[in-house]
Amino acid sequence: MKTLRRWILRLSGIFALLLLALFILKKKADHDFYQDYNSTAPLNARILSDHTAAAIHSQQSVFDGVGEIPVPLVSYYPSTKNKSPLPCVIFLHGIGQSKSFLKLIAPFFTSHGYAIVCFDQYTRGERRLAAGSSDVKKGLAMRRRAALTVMETRRLVDYLQTRPEIDSQKIYLVGASFGAIMGTIVAAQEPRISATALIYGGGGWGHLTDSPVIRKELGSWTTPAALLTAFIMAPAEPLLYADQLTRRPLLIQNGTHDSIIPTAAAKALISTAGDQAKVIWYDSDHVGLDKKHVEVVLTDVLTWLDQLNR
């Protein structure tokens, strides 16, 4: 019996040491989450295709993000783009989208005289994970995606500042859904972004993973999943950054019946951002679920941007 107790104590001690080691490793990884951004690294940017159709000029290109990893980029300009430097919108797409989505909304912006650009975030579009990837790999990839989205957006700003057709003093960020969540952190870290519009985002990973859609999918596992997500995604918590955004113009848009971004998450972001932000609530579900809704939301973004550009 004594021998058994000794073995139990030894195993408990080993387990405790392993937990401590994992905790220390995670603290270090969290601390270094965004440290790979390097503004002096070569961009190695190159244009892959160039096309003009009607009133829109489009380009497919690539630039080096973090660690010389190529980042695929699509850009749209008014066809008169060479007449003067243009204000430019960086669009951060949602969790299930890719840069190809930009084709659907680009005319809204180019018709108002803006360039608009979007890259494939890690795990999406040309950067998809291999088919059959495990749930563990997907979970770790989501954490990596959050870090890369912030750092690669900053690298994109580096690139845009080398482009003569872009007005480097008028670079704006528009993020939708997951793009709004990460856009909160991007805008806080990147002072060269002149203004930010957060479309149907939110804060607090515990809130964000407690949506009606996730509750329907996970049932009684929702609360444990929320706690695990908050732990894993701790360095990508937008509420740690939202109070830094009101130094520059900020627009926050949300839906009162959003089934993907809970109202609690939206209100947490708005509350943390402070009363200097312009806030618009829509009597709607999540953005993108119907075309007319998208048009209304984007029209409000453009009205707001046009006022800044007067």
Protein backbone atom coordinates (compact mmCIF):
# COMPACT_ATOMS: atom_id res chain seq x y z
CA MET A 1 0.00 0.00 0.00
CA LYS A 2 2.84 2.38 0.87
CA THR A 3 4.50 1.59 -2.45
CA LEU A 4 1.29 2.44 -4.29
CA ARG A 5 1.00 5.75 -2.41
CA ARG A 6 4.60 6.60 -3.28
CA TRP A 7 3.93 5.92 -6.97
CA ILE A 8 0.78 8.05 -6.88
CA LEU A 9 2.71 10.90 -5.24
CA ARG A 10 5.50 10.60 -7.80
CA LEU A 11 3.07 10.58 -10.73
CA SER A 12 1.21 13.54 -9.23
CA GLY A 13 4.49 15.42 -8.90
CA ILE A 14 5.50 14.62 -12.49
CA PHE A 15 2.07 15.70 -13.73
CA ALA A 16 2.30 18.96 -11.76
CA LEU A 17 5.76 19.66 -13.22
CA LEU A 18 4.48 18.99 -16.72
CA LEU A 19 1.58 21.39 -16.19
CA LEU A 20 3.97 24.02 -14.85
CA ALA A 21 6.27 23.56 -17.87
CA LEU A 22 3.34 23.85 -20.26
CA PHE A 23 2.13 26.97 -18.46
CA ILE A 24 5.58 28.58 -18.71
CA LEU A 25 5.86 27.66 -22.40
CA LYS A 26 2.43 29.13 -23.13
CA LYS A 27 3.24 32.35 -21.26
CA LYS A 28 6.38 32.70 -23.38
CA ALA A 29 4.46 31.93 -26.59
CA ASP A 30 1.77 34.46 -25.65
CA HIS A 31 4.40 37.11 -24.93
CA ASP A 32 6.02 36.55 -28.34
CA PHE A 33 2.72 36.26 -30.21
CA TYR A 34 3.28 39.26 -32.50
CA GLN A 35 7.08 39.50 -32.27
CA ASP A 36 7.80 38.18 -35.78
CA TYR A 37 6.69 41.39 -37.48
CA ASN A 38 9.73 43.09 -39.01
CA SER A 39 9.16 46.28 -41.02
CA THR A 40 12.69 46.18 -42.44
CA ALA A 41 12.46 42.66 -43.92
CA PRO A 42 12.41 42.53 -47.75
CA LEU A 43 8.89 42.49 -49.20
CA ASN A 44 9.86 40.68 -52.41
CA ALA A 45 6.54 41.92 -53.83
CA ARG A 46 5.58 41.07 -57.38
CA ILE A 47 2.49 41.52 -59.53
CA LEU A 48 1.23 38.26 -61.01
CA SER A 49 -1.60 39.60 -63.19
CA ASP A 50 -3.02 42.95 -64.19
CA HIS A 51 -6.47 43.44 -65.72
CA THR A 52 -8.83 46.31 -66.54
CA ALA A 53 -12.55 45.74 -67.13
CA ALA A 54 -15.07 48.58 -67.41
CA ALA A 55 -14.48 50.95 -64.48
CA ILE A 56 -12.33 48.62 -62.37
CA HIS A 57 -8.65 47.77 -62.56
CA SER A 58 -7.58 44.59 -60.72
CA GLN A 59 -4.27 43.02 -59.78
CA GLN A 60 -3.22 39.69 -58.33
CA SER A 61 0.08 39.96 -56.48
CA VAL A 62 2.13 38.50 -53.66
CA PHE A 63 4.36 39.91 -50.92
CA ASP A 64 6.43 38.37 -48.14
CA GLY A 65 4.67 38.37 -44.80
CA VAL A 66 6.39 36.83 -41.77
CA GLY A 67 9.48 34.68 -42.21
CA GLU A 68 9.52 35.14 -46.00
CA ILE A 69 6.16 33.37 -46.33
CA PRO A 70 4.40 34.59 -49.51
CA VAL A 71 1.01 36.22 -48.92
CA PRO A 72 -1.43 36.24 -51.89
CA LEU A 73 -3.09 39.62 -52.41
CA VAL A 74 -5.85 40.96 -54.64
CA SER A 75 -6.24 44.69 -55.33
CA TYR A 76 -8.95 46.71 -57.05
CA TYR A 77 -8.67 50.30 -58.22
CA PRO A 78 -10.83 52.73 -60.15
CA SER A 79 -9.72 52.47 -63.78
CA THR A 80 -8.46 56.07 -63.50
CA LYS A 81 -6.04 55.04 -60.73
CA ASN A 82 -3.00 56.75 -62.31
CA LYS A 83 -4.43 60.27 -62.09
CA SER A 84 -3.55 60.82 -58.41
CA PRO A 85 -2.69 58.84 -55.26
CA LEU A 86 -5.79 57.07 -53.97
CA PRO A 87 -7.12 56.48 -50.48
CA CYS A 88 -6.91 52.75 -49.83
CA VAL A 89 -9.06 50.33 -47.82
CA ILE A 90 -7.54 47.17 -46.40
CA PHE A 91 -10.36 44.64 -46.09
CA LEU A 92 -9.96 41.81 -43.58
CA HIS A 93 -12.31 39.00 -44.55
CA GLY A 94 -14.40 36.76 -42.28
CA ILE A 95 -13.49 33.40 -40.82
CA GLY A 96 -14.88 31.32 -43.69
CA GLN A 97 -14.10 33.68 -46.56
CA SER A 98 -11.03 34.32 -48.70
CA LYS A 99 -9.69 37.20 -50.77
CA SER A 100 -11.95 36.16 -53.67
CA PHE A 101 -14.86 37.66 -51.70
CA LEU A 102 -13.46 41.10 -52.49
CA LYS A 103 -14.70 40.87 -56.06
CA LEU A 104 -18.28 41.10 -54.78
CA ILE A 105 -17.83 44.30 -52.79
CA ALA A 106 -14.96 46.08 -54.58
CA PRO A 107 -17.27 48.15 -56.86
CA PHE A 108 -18.80 49.82 -53.79
CA PHE A 109 -15.40 51.27 -52.96
CA THR A 110 -13.84 51.86 -56.37
CA SER A 111 -16.94 53.79 -57.49
CA HIS A 112 -16.21 56.21 -54.63
CA GLY A 113 -12.58 56.61 -55.66
CA TYR A 114 -10.97 54.14 -53.25
CA ALA A 115 -8.48 51.37 -53.88
CA ILE A 116 -9.32 48.24 -51.90
CA VAL A 117 -7.05 45.28 -51.13
CA CYS A 118 -7.43 41.92 -49.40
CA PHE A 119 -5.10 38.98 -48.71
CA ASP A 120 -5.83 35.33 -48.03
CA GLN A 121 -5.55 34.82 -44.29
CA TYR A 122 -3.75 31.71 -43.12
CA THR A 123 -5.93 28.56 -43.63
CA ARG A 124 -8.10 30.25 -46.27
CA GLY A 125 -8.04 30.54 -50.07
CA GLU A 126 -4.62 29.69 -51.48
CA ARG A 127 -3.40 28.99 -47.93
CA ARG A 128 -5.84 26.23 -46.98
CA LEU A 129 -4.74 23.45 -44.66
CA ALA A 130 -4.24 20.02 -46.16
CA ALA A 131 -7.40 17.94 -46.46
CA GLY A 132 -7.96 15.66 -43.48
CA SER A 133 -6.06 17.85 -40.99
CA SER A 134 -6.75 16.84 -37.39
CA ASP A 135 -8.85 18.92 -35.00
CA VAL A 136 -5.73 19.62 -32.93
CA LYS A 137 -3.91 20.94 -35.99
CA LYS A 138 -6.93 23.06 -36.92
CA GLY A 139 -7.10 24.50 -33.41
CA LEU A 140 -3.40 25.40 -33.39
CA ALA A 141 -3.76 26.81 -36.90
CA MET A 142 -6.54 29.13 -35.72
CA ARG A 143 -4.26 30.52 -33.03
CA ARG A 144 -1.50 30.97 -35.63
CA ARG A 145 -3.99 32.56 -38.01
CA ALA A 146 -4.81 35.22 -35.44
CA ALA A 147 -1.14 36.16 -35.01
CA LEU A 148 -0.39 36.10 -38.73
CA THR A 149 -3.45 38.16 -39.63
CA VAL A 150 -2.19 40.99 -37.42
CA MET A 151 1.43 40.81 -38.56
CA GLU A 152 0.63 40.29 -42.25
CA THR A 153 -1.74 43.25 -42.27
CA ARG A 154 1.10 45.38 -40.96
CA ARG A 155 3.35 43.98 -43.69
CA LEU A 156 0.65 44.89 -46.17
CA VAL A 157 0.80 48.48 -44.91
CA ASP A 158 4.57 48.34 -45.50
CA TYR A 159 3.84 47.26 -49.07
CA LEU A 160 1.14 49.84 -49.73
CA GLN A 161 3.51 52.59 -48.68
CA THR A 162 5.80 51.61 -51.56
CA ARG A 163 2.99 51.94 -54.13
CA PRO A 164 2.90 55.33 -55.91
CA GLU A 165 -0.83 55.00 -56.70
CA ILE A 166 -1.69 54.80 -52.96
CA ASP A 167 -1.97 57.81 -50.66
CA SER A 168 0.12 56.64 -47.70
CA GLN A 169 -1.67 59.10 -45.38
CA LYS A 170 -5.09 57.62 -46.20
CA ILE A 171 -4.86 53.91 -45.47
CA TYR A 172 -8.05 52.65 -43.84
CA LEU A 173 -8.97 49.29 -42.30
CA VAL A 174 -12.35 47.62 -42.74
CA GLY A 175 -12.78 44.26 -41.02
CA ALA A 176 -15.85 42.02 -41.14
CA SER A 177 -16.71 39.38 -38.50
CA PHE A 178 -13.42 37.58 -37.71
CA GLY A 179 -11.74 40.36 -39.68
CA ALA A 180 -13.31 42.89 -37.29
CA ILE A 181 -12.18 40.91 -34.25
CA MET A 182 -8.58 40.82 -35.47
CA GLY A 183 -8.88 44.27 -37.02
CA THR A 184 -9.29 45.66 -33.51
CA ILE A 185 -5.79 44.45 -32.67
CA VAL A 186 -4.31 45.48 -36.02
CA ALA A 187 -5.57 49.05 -35.67
CA ALA A 188 -4.23 49.29 -32.11
CA GLN A 189 -0.77 48.09 -33.15
CA GLU A 190 -0.48 49.88 -36.49
CA PRO A 191 -0.38 53.72 -36.24
CA ARG A 192 -0.27 54.16 -40.03
CA ILE A 193 -3.92 53.11 -40.30
CA SER A 194 -5.85 56.40 -40.39
CA ALA A 195 -9.31 55.07 -39.49
CA THR A 196 -10.99 51.74 -38.78
CA ALA A 197 -14.46 50.28 -39.42
CA LEU A 198 -15.35 47.11 -37.51
CA ILE A 199 -18.29 45.33 -39.16
CA TYR A 200 -20.11 42.85 -36.89
CA GLY A 201 -17.19 42.04 -34.62
CA GLY A 202 -16.95 41.76 -30.88
CA GLY A 203 -14.70 41.07 -27.92
CA GLY A 204 -14.25 38.55 -25.16
CA TRP A 205 -13.55 35.05 -26.48
CA GLY A 206 -15.83 33.65 -23.80
CA HIS A 207 -18.66 35.74 -25.27
CA LEU A 208 -17.66 35.09 -28.88
CA THR A 209 -17.81 31.32 -28.44
CA ASP A 210 -21.21 31.46 -26.75
CA SER A 211 -23.27 32.37 -29.80
CA PRO A 212 -26.59 30.74 -30.74
CA VAL A 213 -24.91 28.98 -33.67
CA ILE A 214 -22.19 27.47 -31.47
CA ARG A 215 -24.66 26.55 -28.71
CA LYS A 216 -26.75 24.67 -31.26
CA GLU A 217 -23.65 22.86 -32.50
CA LEU A 218 -21.98 22.05 -29.15
CA GLY A 219 -24.85 21.90 -26.67
CA SER A 220 -23.55 21.19 -23.15
CA TRP A 221 -19.96 21.42 -24.43
CA THR A 222 -20.36 25.14 -25.17
CA THR A 223 -19.06 26.38 -21.80
CA PRO A 224 -15.95 24.13 -21.73
CA ALA A 225 -15.25 25.09 -25.36
CA ALA A 226 -15.57 28.80 -24.49
CA LEU A 227 -13.12 28.44 -21.60
CA LEU A 228 -10.63 26.51 -23.74
CA THR A 229 -10.91 29.02 -26.59
CA ALA A 230 -10.37 31.95 -24.22
CA PHE A 231 -7.24 30.20 -22.88
CA ILE A 232 -5.79 29.35 -26.29
CA MET A 233 -6.64 32.71 -27.88
CA ALA A 234 -5.66 34.85 -24.88
CA PRO A 235 -3.03 36.96 -26.72
CA ALA A 236 -5.57 37.64 -29.48
CA GLU A 237 -8.17 39.08 -27.10
CA PRO A 238 -9.55 42.25 -28.76
CA LEU A 239 -10.70 43.71 -25.44
CA LEU A 240 -7.03 44.14 -24.49
CA TYR A 241 -6.68 46.58 -27.39
CA ALA A 242 -10.05 48.22 -28.04
CA ASP A 243 -9.46 51.18 -25.73
CA GLN A 244 -6.50 52.23 -27.91
CA LEU A 245 -8.62 52.70 -31.05
CA THR A 246 -10.30 56.03 -30.33
CA ARG A 247 -7.09 57.95 -30.96
CA ARG A 248 -8.24 57.78 -34.61
CA PRO A 249 -11.70 57.68 -36.20
CA LEU A 250 -13.55 54.45 -35.39
CA LEU A 251 -16.84 53.03 -36.70
CA ILE A 252 -18.43 49.98 -35.06
CA GLN A 253 -21.43 48.23 -36.68
CA ASN A 254 -23.40 45.33 -35.21
CA GLY A 255 -26.70 43.50 -35.49
CA THR A 256 -29.23 43.19 -32.69
CA HIS A 257 -30.15 39.62 -33.74
CA ASP A 258 -26.69 38.34 -34.67
CA SER A 259 -26.59 34.54 -34.37
CA ILE A 260 -22.80 34.38 -34.85
CA ILE A 261 -21.46 37.37 -32.90
CA PRO A 262 -23.44 37.53 -29.63
CA THR A 263 -24.80 40.88 -28.49
CA ALA A 264 -22.74 40.53 -25.28
CA ALA A 265 -19.52 40.33 -27.34
CA ALA A 266 -20.50 43.36 -29.43
CA LYS A 267 -21.41 45.41 -26.35
CA ALA A 268 -18.17 44.44 -24.62
CA LEU A 269 -16.15 45.75 -27.57
CA ILE A 270 -18.18 48.96 -27.80
CA SER A 271 -17.93 49.58 -24.06
CA THR A 272 -14.15 49.05 -24.06
CA ALA A 273 -13.64 51.24 -27.13
CA GLY A 274 -15.29 54.18 -25.38
CA ASP A 275 -17.88 56.75 -26.36
CA GLN A 276 -15.74 58.42 -29.05
CA ALA A 277 -16.50 55.60 -31.49
CA LYS A 278 -19.38 56.01 -33.93
CA VAL A 279 -21.72 53.07 -33.30
CA ILE A 280 -24.50 51.83 -35.58
CA TRP A 281 -26.86 49.01 -34.61
CA TYR A 282 -28.90 47.23 -37.28
CA ASP A 283 -32.10 45.26 -36.83
CA SER A 284 -30.47 42.21 -38.40
CA ASP A 285 -28.74 38.89 -38.11
CA HIS A 286 -25.04 38.53 -39.01
CA VAL A 287 -23.75 40.63 -41.89
CA GLY A 288 -23.75 38.90 -45.25
CA LEU A 289 -26.85 36.77 -44.76
CA ASP A 290 -28.74 38.84 -47.33
CA LYS A 291 -27.53 41.11 -50.14
CA LYS A 292 -29.63 44.15 -49.22
CA HIS A 293 -28.23 44.08 -45.70
CA VAL A 294 -24.65 44.05 -47.03
CA GLU A 295 -25.41 47.04 -49.25
CA VAL A 296 -26.80 49.05 -46.33
CA VAL A 297 -23.81 48.27 -44.11
CA LEU A 298 -21.24 49.08 -46.81
CA THR A 299 -23.07 52.26 -47.79
CA ASP A 300 -22.81 53.43 -44.18
CA VAL A 301 -19.07 52.61 -44.17
CA LEU A 302 -18.55 54.61 -47.36
CA THR A 303 -20.58 57.56 -46.10
CA TRP A 304 -18.40 57.61 -42.99
CA LEU A 305 -15.16 57.33 -45.00
CA ASP A 306 -16.25 60.03 -47.44
CA GLN A 307 -16.85 62.39 -44.53
CA LEU A 308 -13.29 61.77 -43.33
CA ASN A 309 -11.95 62.52 -46.83
CA ARG A 310 -13.68 65.85 -47.29
